[in-house]
Each structure stands twice: as C-alpha cells, then as structure tokens.
Full PDB file with SEQRES, HELIX, SHEET, SSBOND, CRYST1, ORIGX, SCALE, CONECT and MASTER records, all heavy atoms in Angstrom:
SEQRES   1 A   36  ALA PRO PHE GLN HIS GLU HIS ASN TRP TRP LYS GLU GLY          
SEQRES   2 A   36  VAL VAL TYR GLN ILE TYR PRO LYS SER PHE LYS ASP SER          
SEQRES   3 A   36  ASN GLY ASP GLY VAL GLY ASP ILE PRO GLY                      
HELIX    1 AA1 TRP A    9  GLU A   12  1                                   4    
HELIX    2 AA2 PRO A   20  PHE A   23  1                                   4    
CRYST1    1.000    1.000    1.000  90.00  90.00  90.00 P 1           1          
ORIGX1      1.000000  0.000000  0.000000        0.00000                         
ORIGX2      0.000000  1.000000  0.000000        0.00000                         
ORIGX3      0.000000  0.000000  1.000000        0.00000                         
SCALE1      1.000000  0.000000  0.000000        0.00000                         
SCALE2      0.000000  1.000000  0.000000        0.00000                         
SCALE3      0.000000  0.000000  1.000000        0.00000                         
ATOM      1  N   ALA A   1     -33.479   1.135 -28.620  1.00  0.00           N  
ATOM      2  CA  ALA A   1     -33.034  -0.035 -27.865  1.00  0.00           C  
ATOM      3  C   ALA A   1     -31.692   0.249 -27.211  1.00  0.00           C  
ATOM      4  O   ALA A   1     -30.845   0.934 -27.790  1.00  0.00           O  
ATOM      5  CB  ALA A   1     -32.926  -1.241 -28.793  1.00  0.00           C  
ATOM      6  N   PRO A   2     -31.468  -0.262 -25.997  1.00  0.00           N  
ATOM      7  CA  PRO A   2     -30.178  -0.046 -25.334  1.00  0.00           C  
ATOM      8  C   PRO A   2     -29.030  -0.582 -26.176  1.00  0.00           C  
ATOM      9  O   PRO A   2     -29.142  -1.608 -26.834  1.00  0.00           O  
ATOM     10  CB  PRO A   2     -30.322  -0.830 -24.026  1.00  0.00           C  
ATOM     11  CG  PRO A   2     -31.787  -0.950 -23.803  1.00  0.00           C  
ATOM     12  CD  PRO A   2     -32.403  -1.034 -25.158  1.00  0.00           C  
ATOM     13  N   PHE A   3     -27.914   0.117 -26.156  1.00  0.00           N  
ATOM     14  CA  PHE A   3     -26.730  -0.301 -26.904  1.00  0.00           C  
ATOM     15  C   PHE A   3     -26.169  -1.576 -26.280  1.00  0.00           C  
ATOM     16  O   PHE A   3     -26.016  -1.669 -25.067  1.00  0.00           O  
ATOM     17  CB  PHE A   3     -25.685   0.811 -26.869  1.00  0.00           C  
ATOM     18  CG  PHE A   3     -24.529   0.588 -27.807  1.00  0.00           C  
ATOM     19  CD1 PHE A   3     -24.566   1.096 -29.094  1.00  0.00           C  
ATOM     20  CD2 PHE A   3     -23.422  -0.142 -27.413  1.00  0.00           C  
ATOM     21  CE1 PHE A   3     -23.504   0.893 -29.972  1.00  0.00           C  
ATOM     22  CE2 PHE A   3     -22.363  -0.357 -28.285  1.00  0.00           C  
ATOM     23  CZ  PHE A   3     -22.404   0.160 -29.565  1.00  0.00           C  
ATOM     24  N   GLN A   4     -25.865  -2.546 -27.123  1.00  0.00           N  
ATOM     25  CA  GLN A   4     -25.300  -3.807 -26.637  1.00  0.00           C  
ATOM     26  C   GLN A   4     -23.776  -3.722 -26.708  1.00  0.00           C  
ATOM     27  O   GLN A   4     -23.182  -3.783 -27.785  1.00  0.00           O  
ATOM     28  CB  GLN A   4     -25.818  -4.978 -27.481  1.00  0.00           C  
ATOM     29  CG  GLN A   4     -27.322  -5.177 -27.387  1.00  0.00           C  
ATOM     30  CD  GLN A   4     -27.771  -5.470 -25.964  1.00  0.00           C  
ATOM     31  OE1 GLN A   4     -27.207  -6.327 -25.291  1.00  0.00           O  
ATOM     32  NE2 GLN A   4     -28.797  -4.761 -25.510  1.00  0.00           N  
ATOM     33  N   HIS A   5     -23.145  -3.585 -25.553  1.00  0.00           N  
ATOM     34  CA  HIS A   5     -21.704  -3.398 -25.510  1.00  0.00           C  
ATOM     35  C   HIS A   5     -20.967  -4.724 -25.634  1.00  0.00           C  
ATOM     36  O   HIS A   5     -21.315  -5.716 -24.984  1.00  0.00           O  
ATOM     37  CB  HIS A   5     -21.302  -2.715 -24.200  1.00  0.00           C  
ATOM     38  CG  HIS A   5     -21.660  -1.257 -24.151  1.00  0.00           C  
ATOM     39  ND1 HIS A   5     -20.865  -0.280 -24.698  1.00  0.00           N  
ATOM     40  CD2 HIS A   5     -22.739  -0.626 -23.630  1.00  0.00           C  
ATOM     41  CE1 HIS A   5     -21.440   0.896 -24.505  1.00  0.00           C  
ATOM     42  NE2 HIS A   5     -22.565   0.715 -23.873  1.00  0.00           N  
ATOM     43  N   GLU A   6     -19.931  -4.714 -26.454  1.00  0.00           N  
ATOM     44  CA  GLU A   6     -19.062  -5.873 -26.556  1.00  0.00           C  
ATOM     45  C   GLU A   6     -18.263  -6.003 -25.265  1.00  0.00           C  
ATOM     46  O   GLU A   6     -17.749  -5.018 -24.739  1.00  0.00           O  
ATOM     47  CB  GLU A   6     -18.110  -5.689 -27.740  1.00  0.00           C  
ATOM     48  CG  GLU A   6     -17.136  -6.837 -27.938  1.00  0.00           C  
ATOM     49  CD  GLU A   6     -16.186  -6.574 -29.095  1.00  0.00           C  
ATOM     50  OE1 GLU A   6     -16.418  -5.588 -29.827  1.00  0.00           O  
ATOM     51  OE2 GLU A   6     -15.223  -7.351 -29.250  1.00  0.00           O  
ATOM     52  N   HIS A   7     -18.174  -7.227 -24.733  1.00  0.00           N  
ATOM     53  CA  HIS A   7     -17.417  -7.444 -23.505  1.00  0.00           C  
ATOM     54  C   HIS A   7     -15.922  -7.264 -23.783  1.00  0.00           C  
ATOM     55  O   HIS A   7     -15.419  -7.615 -24.843  1.00  0.00           O  
ATOM     56  CB  HIS A   7     -17.695  -8.834 -22.947  1.00  0.00           C  
ATOM     57  CG  HIS A   7     -19.059  -8.959 -22.353  1.00  0.00           C  
ATOM     58  ND1 HIS A   7     -19.344  -9.830 -21.327  1.00  0.00           N  
ATOM     59  CD2 HIS A   7     -20.224  -8.306 -22.608  1.00  0.00           C  
ATOM     60  CE1 HIS A   7     -20.629  -9.721 -20.990  1.00  0.00           C  
ATOM     61  NE2 HIS A   7     -21.171  -8.802 -21.769  1.00  0.00           N  
ATOM     62  N   ASN A   8     -15.222  -6.706 -22.792  1.00  0.00           N  
ATOM     63  CA  ASN A   8     -13.827  -6.350 -22.994  1.00  0.00           C  
ATOM     64  C   ASN A   8     -13.128  -6.327 -21.644  1.00  0.00           C  
ATOM     65  O   ASN A   8     -13.727  -5.982 -20.627  1.00  0.00           O  
ATOM     66  CB  ASN A   8     -13.764  -4.970 -23.660  1.00  0.00           C  
ATOM     67  CG  ASN A   8     -12.379  -4.597 -24.125  1.00  0.00           C  
ATOM     68  OD1 ASN A   8     -11.495  -4.366 -23.318  1.00  0.00           O  
ATOM     69  ND2 ASN A   8     -12.200  -4.534 -25.438  1.00  0.00           N  
ATOM     70  N   TRP A   9     -11.829  -6.650 -21.623  1.00  0.00           N  
ATOM     71  CA  TRP A   9     -11.099  -6.739 -20.348  1.00  0.00           C  
ATOM     72  C   TRP A   9     -11.065  -5.415 -19.610  1.00  0.00           C  
ATOM     73  O   TRP A   9     -11.157  -5.386 -18.384  1.00  0.00           O  
ATOM     74  CB  TRP A   9      -9.687  -7.266 -20.581  1.00  0.00           C  
ATOM     75  CG  TRP A   9      -8.761  -6.395 -21.400  1.00  0.00           C  
ATOM     76  CD1 TRP A   9      -8.539  -6.487 -22.742  1.00  0.00           C  
ATOM     77  CD2 TRP A   9      -7.930  -5.330 -20.929  1.00  0.00           C  
ATOM     78  NE1 TRP A   9      -7.625  -5.535 -23.145  1.00  0.00           N  
ATOM     79  CE2 TRP A   9      -7.225  -4.811 -22.051  1.00  0.00           C  
ATOM     80  CE3 TRP A   9      -7.697  -4.752 -19.675  1.00  0.00           C  
ATOM     81  CZ2 TRP A   9      -6.330  -3.756 -21.959  1.00  0.00           C  
ATOM     82  CZ3 TRP A   9      -6.798  -3.692 -19.570  1.00  0.00           C  
ATOM     83  CH2 TRP A   9      -6.120  -3.209 -20.704  1.00  0.00           C  
ATOM     84  N   TRP A  10     -10.932  -4.306 -20.321  1.00  0.00           N  
ATOM     85  CA  TRP A  10     -10.842  -3.031 -19.625  1.00  0.00           C  
ATOM     86  C   TRP A  10     -12.201  -2.483 -19.218  1.00  0.00           C  
ATOM     87  O   TRP A  10     -12.281  -1.583 -18.383  1.00  0.00           O  
ATOM     88  CB  TRP A  10     -10.060  -2.001 -20.440  1.00  0.00           C  
ATOM     89  CG  TRP A  10     -10.517  -1.772 -21.851  1.00  0.00           C  
ATOM     90  CD1 TRP A  10      -9.987  -2.322 -22.986  1.00  0.00           C  
ATOM     91  CD2 TRP A  10     -11.582  -0.921 -22.278  1.00  0.00           C  
ATOM     92  NE1 TRP A  10     -10.665  -1.864 -24.093  1.00  0.00           N  
ATOM     93  CE2 TRP A  10     -11.636  -0.991 -23.693  1.00  0.00           C  
ATOM     94  CE3 TRP A  10     -12.484  -0.088 -21.619  1.00  0.00           C  
ATOM     95  CZ2 TRP A  10     -12.566  -0.285 -24.457  1.00  0.00           C  
ATOM     96  CZ3 TRP A  10     -13.416   0.626 -22.364  1.00  0.00           C  
ATOM     97  CH2 TRP A  10     -13.450   0.525 -23.756  1.00  0.00           C  
ATOM     98  N   LYS A  11     -13.265  -3.021 -19.779  1.00  0.00           N  
ATOM     99  CA  LYS A  11     -14.601  -2.631 -19.331  1.00  0.00           C  
ATOM    100  C   LYS A  11     -14.948  -3.350 -18.025  1.00  0.00           C  
ATOM    101  O   LYS A  11     -15.525  -2.751 -17.111  1.00  0.00           O  
ATOM    102  CB  LYS A  11     -15.640  -2.956 -20.401  1.00  0.00           C  
ATOM    103  CG  LYS A  11     -15.522  -2.115 -21.663  1.00  0.00           C  
ATOM    104  CD  LYS A  11     -16.549  -2.522 -22.706  1.00  0.00           C  
ATOM    105  CE  LYS A  11     -16.409  -1.684 -23.981  1.00  0.00           C  
ATOM    106  NZ  LYS A  11     -17.353  -2.110 -25.027  1.00  0.00           N  
ATOM    107  N   GLU A  12     -14.584  -4.612 -17.946  1.00  0.00           N  
ATOM    108  CA  GLU A  12     -14.921  -5.417 -16.772  1.00  0.00           C  
ATOM    109  C   GLU A  12     -13.908  -5.267 -15.645  1.00  0.00           C  
ATOM    110  O   GLU A  12     -14.198  -5.574 -14.500  1.00  0.00           O  
ATOM    111  CB  GLU A  12     -15.003  -6.896 -17.180  1.00  0.00           C  
ATOM    112  CG  GLU A  12     -16.042  -7.165 -18.245  1.00  0.00           C  
ATOM    113  CD  GLU A  12     -15.979  -8.582 -18.784  1.00  0.00           C  
ATOM    114  OE1 GLU A  12     -15.255  -9.413 -18.183  1.00  0.00           O  
ATOM    115  OE2 GLU A  12     -16.631  -8.860 -19.804  1.00  0.00           O  
ATOM    116  N   GLY A  13     -12.721  -4.811 -15.978  1.00  0.00           N  
ATOM    117  CA  GLY A  13     -11.660  -4.745 -14.987  1.00  0.00           C  
ATOM    118  C   GLY A  13     -11.875  -3.666 -13.948  1.00  0.00           C  
ATOM    119  O   GLY A  13     -12.389  -2.584 -14.236  1.00  0.00           O  
ATOM    120  N   VAL A  14     -11.474  -3.965 -12.715  1.00  0.00           N  
ATOM    121  CA  VAL A  14     -11.477  -2.983 -11.634  1.00  0.00           C  
ATOM    122  C   VAL A  14     -10.078  -2.385 -11.560  1.00  0.00           C  
ATOM    123  O   VAL A  14      -9.090  -3.114 -11.434  1.00  0.00           O  
ATOM    124  CB  VAL A  14     -11.858  -3.623 -10.290  1.00  0.00           C  
ATOM    125  CG1 VAL A  14     -11.778  -2.589  -9.167  1.00  0.00           C  
ATOM    126  CG2 VAL A  14     -13.255  -4.227 -10.366  1.00  0.00           C  
ATOM    127  N   VAL A  15      -9.995  -1.063 -11.635  1.00  0.00           N  
ATOM    128  CA  VAL A  15      -8.714  -0.362 -11.668  1.00  0.00           C  
ATOM    129  C   VAL A  15      -8.396   0.169 -10.276  1.00  0.00           C  
ATOM    130  O   VAL A  15      -9.269   0.737  -9.597  1.00  0.00           O  
ATOM    131  CB  VAL A  15      -8.753   0.815 -12.665  1.00  0.00           C  
ATOM    132  CG1 VAL A  15      -7.374   1.479 -12.770  1.00  0.00           C  
ATOM    133  CG2 VAL A  15      -9.228   0.358 -14.036  1.00  0.00           C  
ATOM    134  N   TYR A  16      -7.151   0.024  -9.859  1.00  0.00           N  
ATOM    135  CA  TYR A  16      -6.690   0.545  -8.572  1.00  0.00           C  
ATOM    136  C   TYR A  16      -5.590   1.553  -8.844  1.00  0.00           C  
ATOM    137  O   TYR A  16      -4.542   1.218  -9.419  1.00  0.00           O  
ATOM    138  CB  TYR A  16      -6.168  -0.583  -7.698  1.00  0.00           C  
ATOM    139  CG  TYR A  16      -5.822  -0.211  -6.268  1.00  0.00           C  
ATOM    140  CD1 TYR A  16      -6.750  -0.400  -5.245  1.00  0.00           C  
ATOM    141  CD2 TYR A  16      -4.575   0.300  -5.938  1.00  0.00           C  
ATOM    142  CE1 TYR A  16      -6.438  -0.087  -3.920  1.00  0.00           C  
ATOM    143  CE2 TYR A  16      -4.254   0.624  -4.626  1.00  0.00           C  
ATOM    144  CZ  TYR A  16      -5.185   0.433  -3.621  1.00  0.00           C  
ATOM    145  OH  TYR A  16      -4.869   0.741  -2.311  1.00  0.00           O  
ATOM    146  N   GLN A  17      -5.812   2.800  -8.443  1.00  0.00           N  
ATOM    147  CA  GLN A  17      -4.814   3.839  -8.661  1.00  0.00           C  
ATOM    148  C   GLN A  17      -3.828   3.908  -7.507  1.00  0.00           C  
ATOM    149  O   GLN A  17      -4.214   3.999  -6.342  1.00  0.00           O  
ATOM    150  CB  GLN A  17      -5.457   5.219  -8.831  1.00  0.00           C  
ATOM    151  CG  GLN A  17      -4.413   6.298  -9.121  1.00  0.00           C  
ATOM    152  CD  GLN A  17      -4.947   7.708  -9.065  1.00  0.00           C  
ATOM    153  OE1 GLN A  17      -6.151   7.935  -8.865  1.00  0.00           O  
ATOM    154  NE2 GLN A  17      -4.076   8.694  -9.227  1.00  0.00           N  
ATOM    155  N   ILE A  18      -2.549   3.915  -7.861  1.00  0.00           N  
ATOM    156  CA  ILE A  18      -1.468   4.049  -6.885  1.00  0.00           C  
ATOM    157  C   ILE A  18      -0.767   5.388  -7.082  1.00  0.00           C  
ATOM    158  O   ILE A  18      -0.378   5.733  -8.201  1.00  0.00           O  
ATOM    159  CB  ILE A  18      -0.446   2.905  -7.033  1.00  0.00           C  
ATOM    160  CG1 ILE A  18      -1.070   1.577  -6.580  1.00  0.00           C  
ATOM    161  CG2 ILE A  18       0.830   3.185  -6.237  1.00  0.00           C  
ATOM    162  CD1 ILE A  18      -0.181   0.373  -6.817  1.00  0.00           C  
ATOM    163  N   TYR A  19      -0.622   6.136  -6.002  1.00  0.00           N  
ATOM    164  CA  TYR A  19       0.167   7.368  -5.993  1.00  0.00           C  
ATOM    165  C   TYR A  19       1.509   6.990  -5.393  1.00  0.00           C  
ATOM    166  O   TYR A  19       1.648   6.874  -4.172  1.00  0.00           O  
ATOM    167  CB  TYR A  19      -0.560   8.411  -5.144  1.00  0.00           C  
ATOM    168  CG  TYR A  19      -0.106   9.834  -5.349  1.00  0.00           C  
ATOM    169  CD1 TYR A  19      -0.359  10.497  -6.555  1.00  0.00           C  
ATOM    170  CD2 TYR A  19       0.555  10.531  -4.343  1.00  0.00           C  
ATOM    171  CE1 TYR A  19       0.031  11.810  -6.740  1.00  0.00           C  
ATOM    172  CE2 TYR A  19       0.956  11.839  -4.527  1.00  0.00           C  
ATOM    173  CZ  TYR A  19       0.689  12.476  -5.720  1.00  0.00           C  
ATOM    174  OH  TYR A  19       1.083  13.778  -5.911  1.00  0.00           O  
ATOM    175  N   PRO A  20       2.527   6.739  -6.223  1.00  0.00           N  
ATOM    176  CA  PRO A  20       3.752   6.062  -5.752  1.00  0.00           C  
ATOM    177  C   PRO A  20       4.401   6.702  -4.533  1.00  0.00           C  
ATOM    178  O   PRO A  20       4.891   5.995  -3.642  1.00  0.00           O  
ATOM    179  CB  PRO A  20       4.681   6.135  -6.972  1.00  0.00           C  
ATOM    180  CG  PRO A  20       3.783   6.326  -8.136  1.00  0.00           C  
ATOM    181  CD  PRO A  20       2.608   7.099  -7.638  1.00  0.00           C  
ATOM    182  N   LYS A  21       4.419   8.010  -4.483  1.00  0.00           N  
ATOM    183  CA  LYS A  21       5.117   8.708  -3.409  1.00  0.00           C  
ATOM    184  C   LYS A  21       4.518   8.402  -2.046  1.00  0.00           C  
ATOM    185  O   LYS A  21       5.195   8.504  -1.014  1.00  0.00           O  
ATOM    186  CB  LYS A  21       5.082  10.213  -3.687  1.00  0.00           C  
ATOM    187  CG  LYS A  21       6.140  11.024  -2.952  1.00  0.00           C  
ATOM    188  CD  LYS A  21       6.137  12.468  -3.450  1.00  0.00           C  
ATOM    189  CE  LYS A  21       7.257  13.267  -2.791  1.00  0.00           C  
ATOM    190  NZ  LYS A  21       7.276  14.682  -3.257  1.00  0.00           N  
ATOM    191  N   SER A  22       3.254   7.980  -2.033  1.00  0.00           N  
ATOM    192  CA  SER A  22       2.536   7.803  -0.766  1.00  0.00           C  
ATOM    193  C   SER A  22       2.029   6.391  -0.537  1.00  0.00           C  
ATOM    194  O   SER A  22       1.261   6.164   0.392  1.00  0.00           O  
ATOM    195  CB  SER A  22       1.350   8.771  -0.708  1.00  0.00           C  
ATOM    196  OG  SER A  22       1.773  10.109  -0.794  1.00  0.00           O  
ATOM    197  N   PHE A  23       2.425   5.437  -1.371  1.00  0.00           N  
ATOM    198  CA  PHE A  23       1.845   4.096  -1.251  1.00  0.00           C  
ATOM    199  C   PHE A  23       2.617   3.216  -0.273  1.00  0.00           C  
ATOM    200  O   PHE A  23       2.083   2.788   0.745  1.00  0.00           O  
ATOM    201  CB  PHE A  23       1.776   3.439  -2.630  1.00  0.00           C  
ATOM    202  CG  PHE A  23       0.998   2.157  -2.648  1.00  0.00           C  
ATOM    203  CD1 PHE A  23      -0.353   2.139  -2.345  1.00  0.00           C  
ATOM    204  CD2 PHE A  23       1.609   0.960  -2.999  1.00  0.00           C  
ATOM    205  CE1 PHE A  23      -1.089   0.958  -2.367  1.00  0.00           C  
ATOM    206  CE2 PHE A  23       0.894  -0.228  -3.027  1.00  0.00           C  
ATOM    207  CZ  PHE A  23      -0.445  -0.230  -2.707  1.00  0.00           C  
ATOM    208  N   LYS A  24       3.890   2.935  -0.553  1.00  0.00           N  
ATOM    209  CA  LYS A  24       4.683   2.092   0.340  1.00  0.00           C  
ATOM    210  C   LYS A  24       6.171   2.378   0.132  1.00  0.00           C  
ATOM    211  O   LYS A  24       6.694   2.247  -0.971  1.00  0.00           O  
ATOM    212  CB  LYS A  24       4.383   0.609   0.088  1.00  0.00           C  
ATOM    213  CG  LYS A  24       5.248  -0.350   0.896  1.00  0.00           C  
ATOM    214  CD  LYS A  24       5.059  -0.182   2.400  1.00  0.00           C  
ATOM    215  CE  LYS A  24       5.929  -1.173   3.167  1.00  0.00           C  
ATOM    216  NZ  LYS A  24       5.869  -0.946   4.636  1.00  0.00           N  
ATOM    217  N   ASP A  25       6.839   2.757   1.218  1.00  0.00           N  
ATOM    218  CA  ASP A  25       8.278   3.037   1.203  1.00  0.00           C  
ATOM    219  C   ASP A  25       9.023   1.761   1.572  1.00  0.00           C  
ATOM    220  O   ASP A  25       8.810   1.205   2.649  1.00  0.00           O  
ATOM    221  CB  ASP A  25       8.570   4.172   2.185  1.00  0.00           C  
ATOM    222  CG  ASP A  25      10.056   4.379   2.439  1.00  0.00           C  
ATOM    223  OD1 ASP A  25      10.853   4.006   1.567  1.00  0.00           O  
ATOM    224  OD2 ASP A  25      10.402   4.914   3.509  1.00  0.00           O  
ATOM    225  N   SER A  26       9.924   1.322   0.694  1.00  0.00           N  
ATOM    226  CA  SER A  26      10.639   0.069   0.948  1.00  0.00           C  
ATOM    227  C   SER A  26      12.038   0.268   1.532  1.00  0.00           C  
ATOM    228  O   SER A  26      12.645  -0.695   2.010  1.00  0.00           O  
ATOM    229  CB  SER A  26      10.770  -0.723  -0.367  1.00  0.00           C  
ATOM    230  OG  SER A  26      11.691  -0.099  -1.244  1.00  0.00           O  
ATOM    231  N   ASN A  27      12.559   1.508   1.474  1.00  0.00           N  
ATOM    232  CA  ASN A  27      13.959   1.689   1.870  1.00  0.00           C  
ATOM    233  C   ASN A  27      14.180   2.713   2.974  1.00  0.00           C  
ATOM    234  O   ASN A  27      15.311   3.103   3.252  1.00  0.00           O  
ATOM    235  CB  ASN A  27      14.803   2.056   0.647  1.00  0.00           C  
ATOM    236  CG  ASN A  27      14.337   3.348  -0.021  1.00  0.00           C  
ATOM    237  OD1 ASN A  27      13.455   4.032   0.488  1.00  0.00           O  
ATOM    238  ND2 ASN A  27      14.928   3.664  -1.157  1.00  0.00           N  
ATOM    239  N   GLY A  28      13.104   3.163   3.616  1.00  0.00           N  
ATOM    240  CA  GLY A  28      13.241   4.000   4.796  1.00  0.00           C  
ATOM    241  C   GLY A  28      13.599   5.449   4.554  1.00  0.00           C  
ATOM    242  O   GLY A  28      14.080   6.124   5.472  1.00  0.00           O  
ATOM    243  N   ASP A  29      13.351   5.975   3.359  1.00  0.00           N  
ATOM    244  CA  ASP A  29      13.652   7.387   3.114  1.00  0.00           C  
ATOM    245  C   ASP A  29      12.414   8.276   3.218  1.00  0.00           C  
ATOM    246  O   ASP A  29      12.485   9.479   2.950  1.00  0.00           O  
ATOM    247  CB  ASP A  29      14.335   7.582   1.759  1.00  0.00           C  
ATOM    248  CG  ASP A  29      13.439   7.185   0.584  1.00  0.00           C  
ATOM    249  OD1 ASP A  29      12.313   6.713   0.822  1.00  0.00           O  
ATOM    250  OD2 ASP A  29      13.888   7.348  -0.575  1.00  0.00           O  
ATOM    251  N   GLY A  30      11.269   7.700   3.600  1.00  0.00           N  
ATOM    252  CA  GLY A  30      10.051   8.483   3.776  1.00  0.00           C  
ATOM    253  C   GLY A  30       9.286   8.743   2.503  1.00  0.00           C  
ATOM    254  O   GLY A  30       8.293   9.480   2.504  1.00  0.00           O  
ATOM    255  N   VAL A  31       9.736   8.136   1.399  1.00  0.00           N  
ATOM    256  CA  VAL A  31       9.103   8.309   0.090  1.00  0.00           C  
ATOM    257  C   VAL A  31       8.733   6.933  -0.462  1.00  0.00           C  
ATOM    258  O   VAL A  31       9.573   6.030  -0.499  1.00  0.00           O  
ATOM    259  CB  VAL A  31      10.051   9.028  -0.893  1.00  0.00           C  
ATOM    260  CG1 VAL A  31       9.424   9.108  -2.288  1.00  0.00           C  
ATOM    261  CG2 VAL A  31      10.391  10.426  -0.389  1.00  0.00           C  
ATOM    262  N   GLY A  32       7.492   6.772  -0.877  1.00  0.00           N  
ATOM    263  CA  GLY A  32       7.090   5.516  -1.497  1.00  0.00           C  
ATOM    264  C   GLY A  32       7.895   5.246  -2.745  1.00  0.00           C  
ATOM    265  O   GLY A  32       8.464   6.163  -3.357  1.00  0.00           O  
ATOM    266  N   ASP A  33       7.935   4.000  -3.190  1.00  0.00           N  
ATOM    267  CA  ASP A  33       8.790   3.650  -4.327  1.00  0.00           C  
ATOM    268  C   ASP A  33       8.243   2.429  -5.057  1.00  0.00           C  
ATOM    269  O   ASP A  33       7.269   1.797  -4.628  1.00  0.00           O  
ATOM    270  CB  ASP A  33      10.225   3.411  -3.866  1.00  0.00           C  
ATOM    271  CG  ASP A  33      10.326   2.516  -2.636  1.00  0.00           C  
ATOM    272  OD1 ASP A  33       9.649   1.470  -2.618  1.00  0.00           O  
ATOM    273  OD2 ASP A  33      11.061   2.874  -1.693  1.00  0.00           O  
ATOM    274  N   ILE A  34       8.880   2.108  -6.181  1.00  0.00           N  
ATOM    275  CA  ILE A  34       8.416   0.995  -7.013  1.00  0.00           C  
ATOM    276  C   ILE A  34       8.583  -0.356  -6.313  1.00  0.00           C  
ATOM    277  O   ILE A  34       7.658  -1.188  -6.351  1.00  0.00           O  
ATOM    278  CB  ILE A  34       9.123   1.025  -8.379  1.00  0.00           C  
ATOM    279  CG1 ILE A  34       8.720   2.288  -9.140  1.00  0.00           C  
ATOM    280  CG2 ILE A  34       8.764  -0.211  -9.196  1.00  0.00           C  
ATOM    281  CD1 ILE A  34       9.473   2.499 -10.443  1.00  0.00           C  
ATOM    282  N   PRO A  35       9.711  -0.641  -5.652  1.00  0.00           N  
ATOM    283  CA  PRO A  35       9.775  -1.899  -4.898  1.00  0.00           C  
ATOM    284  C   PRO A  35       8.665  -2.003  -3.849  1.00  0.00           C  
ATOM    285  O   PRO A  35       8.155  -3.099  -3.579  1.00  0.00           O  
ATOM    286  CB  PRO A  35      11.158  -1.851  -4.257  1.00  0.00           C  
ATOM    287  CG  PRO A  35      11.978  -1.039  -5.209  1.00  0.00           C  
ATOM    288  CD  PRO A  35      11.030   0.036  -5.681  1.00  0.00           C  
ATOM    289  N   GLY A  36       8.280  -0.876  -3.257  1.00  0.00           N  
ATOM    290  CA  GLY A  36       7.167  -0.889  -2.308  1.00  0.00           C  
ATOM    291  C   GLY A  36       5.870  -1.293  -2.968  1.00  0.00           C  
ATOM    292  O   GLY A  36       5.060  -2.035  -2.391  1.00  0.00           O  
TER     293      GLY A  36                                                      
MASTER        0    0    0    2    0    0    0    6  292    1    0    3          
END                                                                             
C-alpha cells in the first residue's frame, strides 16, 4: 500500500532560492544585498 505521509509545512511549502549577489542591489555597488 502507498505510504501515507503526515502533512507538514515543509512538505507543502514552495521554496524560492535566492542567490544574494545577483538578486537585488539596494545601494548601487553592483552587488546584490540583504536590504535588496
């Protein structure tokens, strides 16, 4: 029989990966950053 998985936030969640250096530059130095 198929395994019955317990529902969980990280199973249902959609994850978005951010590469900080290339996501959004907030201070004009050409490098993405945390405020971005």
